[in-house]
């Protein structure tokens, strides 16, 4: 190795070490809290909703959405906002409408953006009509404190955790986000994902439960429905059902282990290479 190459490598090594020292110093100055390095000025805004409503409709791209019971009996929407990125709150046709308004120029996306934008909805009642949400990358939490007549959720990459009771149909569609459902009773349950995993604990559908995925896994624990349909390409289907079923399993290369068919509704499972392992409580 000639002298020029040795010098270049030495200079590069010195610069790398210097960069590491500066990075550690910068992190130390903010107590290693990366959110304090965010270059965007963010404020927390509280929107009070005075009018009554029965339905809820949300449309957002970047917000994590969490629905919470109100402690003071007042409906409030609390959102983190910045210049040209805010939430619009209105009542239209007995519906609380929450929409993300994003008027940021492209150069506003350049910089450090460590803090996730949050949207918290405090509801004074426990029972509502339709809950509809269209989201892109934010996570969603809909807890067991509420009952809705219909729930329809669409997401791209955010994870969703649902515990609310639904008297009608619970419909969830996502691309890569994971789904977690627990202690839910609904008339029908329809879950669809491409690569996200679906995990259900004590989810009961009075009529039909349908779950479809490409590579995501379907995991059931103490779930049941009159009829069930599960479909994957490479994802596994496993778990326990609360009652006996007539099983119809179709797979190409996956391993199959299900109980002997008995009395009860139909449980149809289709996979290409995913394994199937189902047990029943009875």
Protein backbone atom coordinates (compact mmCIF):
# COMPACT_ATOMS: atom_id res chain seq x y z
CA UNK A 1 0.00 0.00 0.00
CA UNK A 2 1.49 3.33 -1.05
CA UNK A 3 1.84 6.38 1.17
CA UNK A 4 -1.13 8.25 -0.42
CA UNK A 5 -3.58 5.41 0.31
CA UNK A 6 -2.31 5.06 3.87
CA UNK A 7 -2.79 8.77 4.46
CA UNK A 8 -6.30 8.69 2.99
CA UNK A 9 -7.30 5.74 5.18
CA UNK A 10 -5.87 7.43 8.26
CA UNK A 11 -7.78 10.65 7.54
CA UNK A 12 -10.98 8.66 6.99
CA UNK A 13 -10.54 6.82 10.27
CA UNK A 14 -9.92 10.08 12.15
CA UNK A 15 -13.07 11.62 10.63
CA UNK A 16 -15.17 8.61 11.56
CA UNK A 17 -13.95 8.68 15.16
CA UNK A 18 -14.55 12.44 15.32
CA UNK A 19 -18.07 11.94 13.99
CA UNK A 20 -18.80 9.32 16.61
CA UNK A 21 -17.52 11.56 19.38
CA UNK A 22 -19.67 14.47 18.14
CA UNK A 23 -22.73 12.19 17.87
CA UNK A 24 -22.27 10.86 21.39
CA UNK A 25 -21.77 14.41 22.65
CA UNK A 26 -24.97 15.58 20.95
CA UNK A 27 -26.95 12.67 22.37
CA UNK A 28 -25.49 13.24 25.82
CA UNK A 29 -26.56 16.91 25.72
CA UNK A 30 -30.22 15.81 25.41
CA UNK A 31 -29.87 12.92 27.89
CA UNK A 32 -30.07 10.47 24.96
CA UNK A 33 -33.71 11.49 24.31
CA UNK A 34 -33.83 11.53 20.49
CA UNK A 35 -37.20 13.33 20.46
CA UNK A 36 -35.42 16.47 21.73
CA UNK A 37 -33.45 16.54 18.48
CA UNK A 38 -36.66 17.00 16.48
CA UNK A 39 -36.23 20.04 14.24
CA UNK A 40 -39.98 20.70 13.99
CA UNK A 41 -41.77 22.94 16.47
CA UNK A 42 -44.70 20.91 17.79
CA UNK A 43 -47.60 22.12 19.92
CA UNK A 44 -50.39 20.23 21.66
CA UNK A 45 -53.86 21.54 20.84
CA UNK A 46 -57.11 20.71 22.64
CA UNK A 47 -60.35 20.94 20.65
CA UNK A 48 -63.55 20.89 22.70
CA UNK A 49 -66.60 19.40 21.00
CA UNK A 50 -69.83 20.95 22.30
CA UNK A 51 -72.35 19.38 19.92
CA UNK A 52 -73.73 15.91 20.41
CA UNK A 53 -73.05 13.19 17.81
CA UNK A 54 -73.58 9.48 17.30
CA UNK A 55 -71.03 8.44 14.67
CA UNK A 56 -67.27 9.00 14.30
CA UNK A 57 -65.24 9.32 11.10
CA UNK A 58 -61.45 9.83 11.06
CA UNK A 59 -59.07 10.38 8.15
CA UNK A 60 -55.33 10.75 8.81
CA UNK A 61 -51.93 9.86 7.39
CA UNK A 62 -49.33 10.24 10.13
CA UNK A 63 -51.20 10.32 13.44
CA UNK A 64 -51.32 7.60 16.07
CA UNK A 65 -54.99 7.45 17.09
CA UNK A 66 -56.19 6.51 20.55
CA UNK A 67 -59.81 6.58 21.76
CA UNK A 68 -60.23 7.10 25.51
CA UNK A 69 -63.13 7.56 27.96
CA UNK A 70 -63.60 11.14 29.08
CA UNK A 71 -63.08 11.68 32.81
CA UNK A 72 -65.01 14.95 32.99
CA UNK A 73 -67.96 14.07 30.77
CA UNK A 74 -66.78 16.38 27.97
CA UNK A 75 -65.77 15.39 24.46
CA UNK A 76 -62.28 16.58 23.57
CA UNK A 77 -59.84 15.94 20.76
CA UNK A 78 -56.19 16.46 21.69
CA UNK A 79 -53.68 16.52 18.84
CA UNK A 80 -50.02 17.33 18.35
CA UNK A 81 -49.74 19.90 15.57
CA UNK A 82 -47.19 21.95 13.72
CA UNK A 83 -47.17 24.70 11.13
CA UNK A 84 -49.30 23.58 8.16
CA UNK A 85 -50.08 20.21 9.79
CA UNK A 86 -53.19 20.18 11.94
CA UNK A 87 -56.51 18.44 12.55
CA UNK A 88 -59.90 19.71 11.44
CA UNK A 89 -62.77 18.93 13.85
CA UNK A 90 -66.42 19.27 12.80
CA UNK A 91 -69.90 17.78 13.24
CA UNK A 92 -71.61 16.70 10.01
CA UNK A 93 -74.87 14.72 9.84
CA UNK A 94 -74.65 13.51 13.44
CA UNK A 95 -71.01 12.50 12.85
CA UNK A 96 -67.82 13.68 14.54
CA UNK A 97 -65.47 14.23 11.59
CA UNK A 98 -61.71 14.44 12.25
CA UNK A 99 -59.49 15.11 9.25
CA UNK A 100 -55.77 15.70 8.91
CA UNK A 101 -54.97 18.95 7.10
CA UNK A 102 -51.45 18.78 5.66
CA UNK A 103 -50.25 21.82 3.73
CA UNK A 104 -46.53 21.31 4.30
CA UNK A 105 -44.15 22.01 1.44
CA UNK A 106 -41.80 19.23 0.41
CA UNK A 107 -38.77 20.80 2.09
CA UNK A 108 -40.54 20.63 5.44
CA UNK A 109 -39.95 16.88 5.36
CA UNK A 110 -36.18 17.46 5.46
CA UNK A 111 -34.76 17.33 8.98
CA UNK A 112 -35.04 15.24 12.12
CA UNK A 113 -38.58 14.05 12.89
CA UNK A 114 -38.43 11.79 15.92
CA UNK A 115 -41.74 12.55 17.66
CA UNK A 116 -44.77 10.63 16.46
CA UNK A 117 -47.85 12.78 15.89
CA UNK A 118 -50.62 11.80 18.29
CA UNK A 119 -54.40 12.13 18.20
CA UNK A 120 -56.36 11.34 21.36
CA UNK A 121 -60.15 11.35 21.33
CA UNK A 122 -61.92 11.55 24.68
CA UNK A 123 -65.54 10.34 24.47
CA UNK A 124 -68.13 10.98 27.22
CA UNK A 125 -70.50 8.13 26.31
CA UNK A 126 -69.86 4.40 26.08
CA UNK A 127 -72.19 3.60 23.17
CA UNK A 128 -71.99 5.05 19.67
CA UNK A 129 -73.06 4.26 16.13
CA UNK A 130 -70.59 3.77 13.29
CA UNK A 131 -66.83 4.19 13.82
CA UNK A 132 -64.97 4.62 10.54
CA UNK A 133 -61.28 5.37 10.11
CA UNK A 134 -58.90 5.63 7.16
CA UNK A 135 -55.24 5.78 8.23
CA UNK A 136 -51.86 5.35 6.54
CA UNK A 137 -48.99 4.86 8.98
CA UNK A 138 -50.34 5.57 12.44
CA UNK A 139 -51.13 3.03 15.15
CA UNK A 140 -54.72 2.70 16.36
CA UNK A 141 -56.12 1.80 19.79
CA UNK A 142 -59.86 1.26 20.25
CA UNK A 143 -60.34 -0.04 23.82
CA UNK A 144 -62.96 -2.18 25.53
CA UNK A 145 -64.63 0.84 27.16
CA UNK A 146 -66.91 1.39 24.14
CA UNK A 147 -69.62 -0.27 22.07
CA UNK A 148 -70.29 0.58 18.41
CA UNK A 149 -72.90 -0.59 15.94
CA UNK A 150 -70.33 -0.88 13.15
CA UNK A 151 -66.53 -0.54 13.02
CA UNK A 152 -64.62 -0.14 9.76
CA UNK A 153 -60.85 0.45 9.89
CA UNK A 154 -58.41 0.80 7.00
CA UNK A 155 -54.67 1.17 7.57
CA UNK A 156 -51.48 0.70 5.59
CA UNK A 157 -48.56 0.10 7.95
CA UNK A 158 -49.75 1.01 11.43
CA UNK A 159 -50.55 -1.59 14.09
CA UNK A 160 -54.11 -1.79 15.45
CA UNK A 161 -55.32 -2.91 18.87
CA UNK A 162 -59.08 -3.36 19.24
CA UNK A 163 -61.14 -4.29 22.28
CA UNK A 164 -64.45 -2.49 21.68
CA UNK A 165 -67.69 -4.42 21.37
CA UNK A 166 -69.50 -4.26 18.03
CA UNK A 167 -73.18 -5.09 17.65
CA UNK A 168 -72.88 -5.31 13.85
CA UNK A 169 -69.82 -5.95 11.67
CA UNK A 170 -66.19 -5.38 12.63
CA UNK A 171 -64.18 -4.88 9.43
CA UNK A 172 -60.41 -4.26 9.45
CA UNK A 173 -58.11 -4.00 6.45
CA UNK A 174 -54.36 -3.38 6.57
CA UNK A 175 -51.30 -3.92 4.41
CA UNK A 176 -48.36 -4.60 6.75
CA UNK A 177 -49.60 -3.58 10.18
CA UNK A 178 -50.27 -6.17 12.89
CA UNK A 179 -53.78 -6.67 14.30
CA UNK A 180 -54.53 -7.49 17.92
CA UNK A 181 -58.12 -8.13 19.00
CA UNK A 182 -59.17 -9.11 22.50
CA UNK A 183 -62.44 -9.73 24.37
CA UNK A 184 -64.66 -8.74 21.45
CA UNK A 185 -68.21 -9.79 20.64
CA UNK A 186 -69.54 -8.85 17.20
CA UNK A 187 -72.16 -10.06 14.76
CA UNK A 188 -69.54 -10.55 12.01
CA UNK A 189 -65.74 -10.21 12.00
CA UNK A 190 -63.84 -9.57 8.75
CA UNK A 191 -60.05 -9.11 8.94
CA UNK A 192 -57.72 -8.73 5.95
CA UNK A 193 -53.97 -8.13 5.78
CA UNK A 194 -51.06 -8.82 3.44
CA UNK A 195 -48.01 -9.29 5.66
CA UNK A 196 -49.23 -8.26 9.08
CA UNK A 197 -49.95 -10.84 11.78
CA UNK A 198 -53.43 -11.27 13.27
CA UNK A 199 -53.78 -12.24 16.92
CA UNK A 200 -57.23 -12.77 18.45
CA UNK A 201 -58.06 -13.55 22.08
CA UNK A 202 -61.67 -14.32 23.07
CA UNK A 203 -63.11 -12.91 19.84
CA UNK A 204 -66.66 -14.17 19.31
CA UNK A 205 -68.66 -13.62 16.12
CA UNK A 206 -72.34 -14.51 16.39
CA UNK A 207 -72.52 -15.34 12.69
CA UNK A 208 -69.34 -15.31 10.55
CA UNK A 209 -65.63 -14.83 11.20
CA UNK A 210 -63.39 -14.35 8.17
CA UNK A 211 -59.63 -13.70 8.13
CA UNK A 212 -57.41 -13.47 5.06
CA UNK A 213 -53.65 -12.91 4.82
CA UNK A 214 -50.81 -13.49 2.40
CA UNK A 215 -47.74 -14.03 4.59
CA UNK A 216 -49.00 -12.92 7.99
CA UNK A 217 -49.87 -15.46 10.67
CA UNK A 218 -53.36 -16.01 12.11
CA UNK A 219 -53.36 -16.82 15.82
CA UNK A 220 -56.56 -17.64 17.70
CA UNK A 221 -57.11 -18.20 21.40
CA UNK A 222 -60.57 -19.10 22.72
CA UNK A 223 -62.33 -17.69 19.66
CA UNK A 224 -65.52 -18.86 17.97
CA UNK A 225 -68.24 -18.16 15.42
CA UNK A 226 -71.11 -19.98 13.75
CA UNK A 227 -69.02 -20.26 10.57
CA UNK A 228 -65.31 -19.52 10.14
CA UNK A 229 -63.14 -18.98 7.08
CA UNK A 230 -59.35 -18.54 7.17
CA UNK A 231 -57.17 -18.09 4.12
CA UNK A 232 -53.41 -17.52 3.77
CA UNK A 233 -50.66 -18.16 1.24
CA UNK A 234 -47.61 -18.78 3.44
CA UNK A 235 -48.86 -17.69 6.84
CA UNK A 236 -49.67 -20.26 9.53
CA UNK A 237 -53.14 -20.68 11.06
CA UNK A 238 -53.12 -21.86 14.66
CA UNK A 239 -55.08 -21.60 17.89
CA UNK A 240 -58.12 -22.80 19.83
CA UNK A 241 -61.86 -22.60 19.20
CA UNK A 242 -64.52 -22.80 21.89
CA UNK A 243 -66.76 -25.37 20.18
CA UNK A 244 -66.60 -28.24 17.76
CA UNK A 245 -66.76 -27.62 14.02
CA UNK A 246 -66.96 -29.36 10.69
CA UNK A 247 -63.45 -28.81 9.35
CA UNK A 248 -62.61 -28.36 5.68
CA UNK A 249 -58.86 -27.81 5.24
CA UNK A 250 -57.13 -27.34 1.89
CA UNK A 251 -53.34 -26.89 1.74
CA UNK A 252 -50.59 -27.69 -0.77
CA UNK A 253 -47.44 -28.22 1.31
CA UNK A 254 -48.41 -27.10 4.81
CA UNK A 255 -48.78 -29.49 7.76
CA UNK A 256 -52.32 -29.96 9.09
CA UNK A 257 -53.53 -30.85 12.58
CA UNK A 258 -57.20 -30.29 13.36
CA UNK A 259 -59.77 -32.17 15.50
CA UNK A 260 -62.09 -34.74 14.01
CA UNK A 261 -65.11 -33.03 12.50
CA UNK A 262 -68.18 -33.18 14.71
CA UNK A 263 -71.37 -31.25 15.21
CA UNK A 264 -71.26 -27.49 14.74
CA UNK A 265 -70.75 -24.92 12.05
CA UNK A 266 -68.27 -24.98 9.21
CA UNK A 267 -64.58 -24.06 9.68
CA UNK A 268 -62.92 -23.71 6.29
CA UNK A 269 -59.15 -23.15 6.06
CA UNK A 270 -57.13 -22.61 2.87
CA UNK A 271 -53.34 -22.22 2.64
CA UNK A 272 -50.59 -22.85 0.12
CA UNK A 273 -47.55 -23.48 2.31
CA UNK A 274 -48.74 -22.36 5.73
CA UNK A 275 -49.22 -24.88 8.53
CA UNK A 276 -52.61 -25.40 10.17
CA UNK A 277 -52.92 -26.35 13.84
CA UNK A 278 -56.34 -25.93 15.43
CA UNK A 279 -57.75 -27.35 18.65
CA UNK A 280 -61.13 -27.00 20.35
CA UNK A 281 -62.11 -26.56 23.97
CA UNK A 282 -64.57 -29.48 23.73
